[in-house]
Amino acid sequence: MEVHQAIQKRKSIRSYRDEPIPENKLQKVLEAARLAPSASNLQQWKFVVVRDAEKRRQLSIAAQGQPQVAKAPAVIAGVATNTQRIMLCGVPTYPVDLAIALDHMTLAAVNEGLGSCWIGHFSQEQVREILGIPDKYTVVCLLTLGIPAEEGGPKLRKPLNEIISYESFSE
């Protein structure tokens, strides 16, 4: 699939078929994260793939009962292993690095006929406990992954002229 097709086709999927993800497709999604750029190419992250139904149920509770977390055949936790690095511009590297890697995963998922959904609404402490993640690390995002049981809602986006300015900022 051409990259622009994947970008256009990617939607937040919240309903999945009750069947496992083929291992070769899962590995391609994970490889996309491995190949993602990161600050100084340090790849200061870990990805925890959760396929166990009971752990997914617990993660769903930690995500305030979001049903797709329990029902997706896999949930991937994106974990920052260093939250101290700050770019010259004053922005921490870890949320940027994890966002890029997780977005690579979402696009690879589309290419493999899979759906995904970013989950940022969860209890950090509960997810760390469920997955055995030490307190010194930060879970940035959960990503549900599976074979879509739905097409997903319409992609509503602002027109370019509302979000782009040239040469200098304009409101």
C-alpha atoms as a PDB file:
ATOM      1  CA  MET A   1       0.000   0.000   0.000  1.00  0.00           C
ATOM      2  CA  GLU A   2       1.278   3.463  -0.831  1.00  0.00           C
ATOM      3  CA  VAL A   3       1.963   5.578   2.289  1.00  0.00           C
ATOM      4  CA  HIS A   4      -0.664   8.229   1.463  1.00  0.00           C
ATOM      5  CA  GLN A   5      -3.276   5.492   1.121  1.00  0.00           C
ATOM      6  CA  ALA A   6      -2.363   4.145   4.555  1.00  0.00           C
ATOM      7  CA  ILE A   7      -2.573   7.646   6.058  1.00  0.00           C
ATOM      8  CA  GLN A   8      -5.988   8.247   4.484  1.00  0.00           C
ATOM      9  CA  LYS A   9      -7.291   4.796   5.448  1.00  0.00           C
ATOM     10  CA  ARG A  10      -6.077   4.836   9.074  1.00  0.00           C
ATOM     11  CA  LYS A  11      -8.906   5.359  11.552  1.00  0.00           C
ATOM     12  CA  SER A  12      -9.395   4.688  15.231  1.00  0.00           C
ATOM     13  CA  ILE A  13     -10.890   1.210  15.389  1.00  0.00           C
ATOM     14  CA  ARG A  14     -12.774   0.334  18.556  1.00  0.00           C
ATOM     15  CA  SER A  15     -14.332  -2.966  17.528  1.00  0.00           C
ATOM     16  CA  TYR A  16     -12.324  -6.056  16.622  1.00  0.00           C
ATOM     17  CA  ARG A  17     -13.048  -9.553  15.395  1.00  0.00           C
ATOM     18  CA  ASP A  18     -12.617 -12.255  17.996  1.00  0.00           C
ATOM     19  CA  GLU A  19      -9.630 -13.866  16.301  1.00  0.00           C
ATOM     20  CA  PRO A  20      -5.891 -13.688  16.880  1.00  0.00           C
ATOM     21  CA  ILE A  21      -3.608 -11.486  14.849  1.00  0.00           C
ATOM     22  CA  PRO A  22      -1.505 -13.570  12.453  1.00  0.00           C
ATOM     23  CA  GLU A  23       2.032 -13.616  13.877  1.00  0.00           C
ATOM     24  CA  ASN A  24       3.647 -12.402  10.636  1.00  0.00           C
ATOM     25  CA  LYS A  25       1.380  -9.323  10.636  1.00  0.00           C
ATOM     26  CA  LEU A  26       2.096  -8.571  14.285  1.00  0.00           C
ATOM     27  CA  GLN A  27       5.834  -8.825  13.632  1.00  0.00           C
ATOM     28  CA  LYS A  28       5.571  -6.339  10.742  1.00  0.00           C
ATOM     29  CA  VAL A  29       3.771  -3.872  13.012  1.00  0.00           C
ATOM     30  CA  LEU A  30       6.435  -4.284  15.700  1.00  0.00           C
ATOM     31  CA  GLU A  31       9.226  -3.951  13.130  1.00  0.00           C
ATOM     32  CA  ALA A  32       7.726  -0.604  12.081  1.00  0.00           C
ATOM     33  CA  ALA A  33       8.275   0.646  15.636  1.00  0.00           C
ATOM     34  CA  ARG A  34      11.843  -0.634  15.672  1.00  0.00           C
ATOM     35  CA  LEU A  35      12.602   1.270  12.470  1.00  0.00           C
ATOM     36  CA  ALA A  36      11.069   4.547  13.693  1.00  0.00           C
ATOM     37  CA  PRO A  37      13.380   7.494  14.254  1.00  0.00           C
ATOM     38  CA  SER A  38      14.142   8.668  17.770  1.00  0.00           C
ATOM     39  CA  ALA A  39      16.203  11.441  19.344  1.00  0.00           C
ATOM     40  CA  SER A  40      19.892  10.681  18.744  1.00  0.00           C
ATOM     41  CA  ASN A  41      18.681   7.247  17.548  1.00  0.00           C
ATOM     42  CA  LEU A  42      18.761   6.057  21.162  1.00  0.00           C
ATOM     43  CA  GLN A  43      15.420   4.215  20.975  1.00  0.00           C
ATOM     44  CA  GLN A  44      14.774   4.759  24.667  1.00  0.00           C
ATOM     45  CA  TRP A  45      11.596   2.724  24.668  1.00  0.00           C
ATOM     46  CA  LYS A  46      10.123  -0.702  25.231  1.00  0.00           C
ATOM     47  CA  PHE A  47       6.925  -2.117  23.807  1.00  0.00           C
ATOM     48  CA  VAL A  48       4.939  -4.609  25.851  1.00  0.00           C
ATOM     49  CA  VAL A  49       2.661  -6.784  23.719  1.00  0.00           C
ATOM     50  CA  VAL A  50      -0.280  -8.094  25.716  1.00  0.00           C
ATOM     51  CA  ARG A  51      -2.348 -10.931  24.250  1.00  0.00           C
ATOM     52  CA  ASP A  52      -3.475 -12.576  27.494  1.00  0.00           C
ATOM     53  CA  ALA A  53      -7.240 -12.048  27.896  1.00  0.00           C
ATOM     54  CA  GLU A  54      -7.102 -11.526  31.668  1.00  0.00           C
ATOM     55  CA  LYS A  55      -4.357  -8.899  31.413  1.00  0.00           C
ATOM     56  CA  ARG A  56      -6.291  -7.126  28.636  1.00  0.00           C
ATOM     57  CA  ARG A  57      -9.371  -7.136  30.902  1.00  0.00           C
ATOM     58  CA  GLN A  58      -7.308  -5.592  33.693  1.00  0.00           C
ATOM     59  CA  LEU A  59      -5.885  -2.994  31.287  1.00  0.00           C
ATOM     60  CA  SER A  60      -9.441  -2.156  30.245  1.00  0.00           C
ATOM     61  CA  ILE A  61     -10.271  -1.434  33.886  1.00  0.00           C
ATOM     62  CA  ALA A  62      -7.132   0.726  34.148  1.00  0.00           C
ATOM     63  CA  ALA A  63      -8.385   2.562  31.035  1.00  0.00           C
ATOM     64  CA  GLN A  64     -11.636   3.475  32.798  1.00  0.00           C
ATOM     65  CA  GLY A  65     -13.540   0.543  31.287  1.00  0.00           C
ATOM     66  CA  GLN A  66     -12.866   1.207  27.609  1.00  0.00           C
ATOM     67  CA  PRO A  67     -14.194  -2.039  26.081  1.00  0.00           C
ATOM     68  CA  GLN A  68     -11.876  -2.131  23.052  1.00  0.00           C
ATOM     69  CA  VAL A  69      -8.905  -2.593  25.388  1.00  0.00           C
ATOM     70  CA  ALA A  70     -10.307  -5.891  26.647  1.00  0.00           C
ATOM     71  CA  LYS A  71     -11.705  -7.018  23.297  1.00  0.00           C
ATOM     72  CA  ALA A  72      -8.738  -6.290  21.029  1.00  0.00           C
ATOM     73  CA  PRO A  73      -6.636  -9.413  20.417  1.00  0.00           C
ATOM     74  CA  ALA A  74      -3.528  -7.420  21.362  1.00  0.00           C
ATOM     75  CA  VAL A  75      -2.690  -4.297  23.305  1.00  0.00           C
ATOM     76  CA  ILE A  76       0.735  -2.726  22.955  1.00  0.00           C
ATOM     77  CA  ALA A  77       2.037  -0.512  25.746  1.00  0.00           C
ATOM     78  CA  GLY A  78       4.569   2.074  24.599  1.00  0.00           C
ATOM     79  CA  VAL A  79       6.967   2.634  27.499  1.00  0.00           C
ATOM     80  CA  ALA A  80       9.565   5.397  27.813  1.00  0.00           C
ATOM     81  CA  THR A  81      12.747   4.153  29.453  1.00  0.00           C
ATOM     82  CA  ASN A  82      14.252   7.627  29.836  1.00  0.00           C
ATOM     83  CA  THR A  83      12.056  10.624  30.618  1.00  0.00           C
ATOM     84  CA  GLN A  84      14.933  12.973  31.509  1.00  0.00           C
ATOM     85  CA  ARG A  85      16.245  13.916  28.056  1.00  0.00           C
ATOM     86  CA  ILE A  86      15.158  17.345  26.853  1.00  0.00           C
ATOM     87  CA  MET A  87      15.711  18.651  23.331  1.00  0.00           C
ATOM     88  CA  LEU A  88      17.331  22.055  22.822  1.00  0.00           C
ATOM     89  CA  CYS A  89      13.837  23.436  22.076  1.00  0.00           C
ATOM     90  CA  GLY A  90      12.762  22.546  25.623  1.00  0.00           C
ATOM     91  CA  VAL A  91      10.545  19.578  24.705  1.00  0.00           C
ATOM     92  CA  PRO A  92      11.127  16.182  26.346  1.00  0.00           C
ATOM     93  CA  THR A  93      12.218  13.552  23.823  1.00  0.00           C
ATOM     94  CA  TYR A  94      10.180  10.629  25.134  1.00  0.00           C
ATOM     95  CA  PRO A  95       6.627  11.653  24.136  1.00  0.00           C
ATOM     96  CA  VAL A  96       7.834  12.642  20.668  1.00  0.00           C
ATOM     97  CA  ASP A  97       9.832   9.447  20.180  1.00  0.00           C
ATOM     98  CA  LEU A  98       6.987   7.201  21.356  1.00  0.00           C
ATOM     99  CA  ALA A  99       4.413   9.082  19.267  1.00  0.00           C
ATOM    100  CA  ILE A 100       6.486   8.558  16.136  1.00  0.00           C
ATOM    101  CA  ALA A 101       7.036   4.862  16.856  1.00  0.00           C
ATOM    102  CA  LEU A 102       3.395   4.221  17.709  1.00  0.00           C
ATOM    103  CA  ASP A 103       2.240   6.087  14.612  1.00  0.00           C
ATOM    104  CA  HIS A 104       4.578   3.947  12.509  1.00  0.00           C
ATOM    105  CA  MET A 105       2.763   0.974  14.062  1.00  0.00           C
ATOM    106  CA  THR A 106      -0.678   2.354  13.193  1.00  0.00           C
ATOM    107  CA  LEU A 107       0.303   2.827   9.553  1.00  0.00           C
ATOM    108  CA  ALA A 108       1.923  -0.602   9.344  1.00  0.00           C
ATOM    109  CA  ALA A 109      -1.263  -2.042  10.869  1.00  0.00           C
ATOM    110  CA  VAL A 110      -3.377  -0.485   8.112  1.00  0.00           C
ATOM    111  CA  ASN A 111      -1.012  -1.916   5.517  1.00  0.00           C
ATOM    112  CA  GLU A 112      -1.501  -5.373   7.085  1.00  0.00           C
ATOM    113  CA  GLY A 113      -5.299  -5.084   7.151  1.00  0.00           C
ATOM    114  CA  LEU A 114      -5.342  -4.468  10.894  1.00  0.00           C
ATOM    115  CA  GLY A 115      -6.981  -1.748  12.927  1.00  0.00           C
ATOM    116  CA  SER A 116      -5.676   0.134  15.930  1.00  0.00           C
ATOM    117  CA  CYS A 117      -6.658   2.785  18.427  1.00  0.00           C
ATOM    118  CA  TRP A 118      -4.486   5.057  20.555  1.00  0.00           C
ATOM    119  CA  ILE A 119      -5.456   4.967  24.227  1.00  0.00           C
ATOM    120  CA  GLY A 120      -4.130   7.774  26.395  1.00  0.00           C
ATOM    121  CA  HIS A 121      -6.852   7.686  29.034  1.00  0.00           C
ATOM    122  CA  PHE A 122      -5.546   5.223  31.620  1.00  0.00           C
ATOM    123  CA  SER A 123      -4.119   5.019  35.110  1.00  0.00           C
ATOM    124  CA  GLN A 124      -0.329   5.078  34.876  1.00  0.00           C
ATOM    125  CA  GLU A 125       0.047   3.297  38.209  1.00  0.00           C
ATOM    126  CA  GLN A 126      -2.440   0.540  37.393  1.00  0.00           C
ATOM    127  CA  VAL A 127      -0.918  -0.172  33.978  1.00  0.00           C
ATOM    128  CA  ARG A 128       2.577  -0.293  35.473  1.00  0.00           C
ATOM    129  CA  GLU A 129       1.383  -2.747  38.108  1.00  0.00           C
ATOM    130  CA  ILE A 130      -0.490  -4.989  35.635  1.00  0.00           C
ATOM    131  CA  LEU A 131       2.487  -5.181  33.274  1.00  0.00           C
ATOM    132  CA  GLY A 132       5.262  -5.238  35.885  1.00  0.00           C
ATOM    133  CA  ILE A 133       6.762  -1.962  34.673  1.00  0.00           C
ATOM    134  CA  PRO A 134       9.114  -0.303  37.193  1.00  0.00           C
ATOM    135  CA  ASP A 135       8.105   3.128  38.522  1.00  0.00           C
ATOM    136  CA  LYS A 136      11.133   4.746  36.881  1.00  0.00           C
ATOM    137  CA  TYR A 137       9.539   4.181  33.450  1.00  0.00           C
ATOM    138  CA  THR A 138       6.526   5.957  31.935  1.00  0.00           C
ATOM    139  CA  VAL A 139       3.752   4.352  29.915  1.00  0.00           C
ATOM    140  CA  VAL A 140       3.049   6.884  27.178  1.00  0.00           C
ATOM    141  CA  CYS A 141       0.275   5.110  25.328  1.00  0.00           C
ATOM    142  CA  LEU A 142      -1.667   1.903  24.931  1.00  0.00           C
ATOM    143  CA  LEU A 143      -2.385   0.803  21.381  1.00  0.00           C
ATOM    144  CA  THR A 144      -5.168  -1.676  20.703  1.00  0.00           C
ATOM    145  CA  LEU A 145      -4.581  -3.874  17.681  1.00  0.00           C
ATOM    146  CA  GLY A 146      -6.640  -6.415  15.797  1.00  0.00           C
ATOM    147  CA  ILE A 147      -8.665  -7.323  12.752  1.00  0.00           C
ATOM    148  CA  PRO A 148     -11.377  -4.658  12.452  1.00  0.00           C
ATOM    149  CA  ALA A 149     -14.993  -5.652  12.975  1.00  0.00           C
ATOM    150  CA  GLU A 150     -16.033  -2.179  11.801  1.00  0.00           C
ATOM    151  CA  GLU A 151     -14.881   0.451   9.339  1.00  0.00           C
ATOM    152  CA  GLY A 152     -14.493   3.131  11.975  1.00  0.00           C
ATOM    153  CA  GLY A 153     -16.178   6.514  12.021  1.00  0.00           C
ATOM    154  CA  PRO A 154     -15.690   9.283   9.496  1.00  0.00           C
ATOM    155  CA  LYS A 155     -12.374  11.088   9.589  1.00  0.00           C
ATOM    156  CA  LEU A 156     -13.280  14.673  10.385  1.00  0.00           C
ATOM    157  CA  ARG A 157     -10.346  17.002   9.957  1.00  0.00           C
ATOM    158  CA  LYS A 158      -9.950  20.743   9.662  1.00  0.00           C
ATOM    159  CA  PRO A 159      -9.126  22.092   6.198  1.00  0.00           C
ATOM    160  CA  LEU A 160      -5.447  22.838   5.521  1.00  0.00           C
ATOM    161  CA  ASN A 161      -5.989  26.611   5.458  1.00  0.00           C
ATOM    162  CA  GLU A 162      -7.039  26.451   9.150  1.00  0.00           C
ATOM    163  CA  ILE A 163      -3.918  24.638  10.335  1.00  0.00           C
ATOM    164  CA  ILE A 164      -1.124  25.777   7.994  1.00  0.00           C
ATOM    165  CA  SER A 165       0.610  29.121   7.737  1.00  0.00           C
ATOM    166  CA  TYR A 166       3.624  29.967   5.616  1.00  0.00           C
ATOM    167  CA  GLU A 167       6.752  31.904   6.564  1.00  0.00           C
ATOM    168  CA  SER A 168       5.340  33.070   9.926  1.00  0.00           C
ATOM    169  CA  PHE A 169       2.657  32.047  12.408  1.00  0.00           C
ATOM    170  CA  SER A 170      -0.849  33.330  11.870  1.00  0.00           C
ATOM    171  CA  GLU A 171      -3.960  32.757  13.948  1.00  0.00           C
END
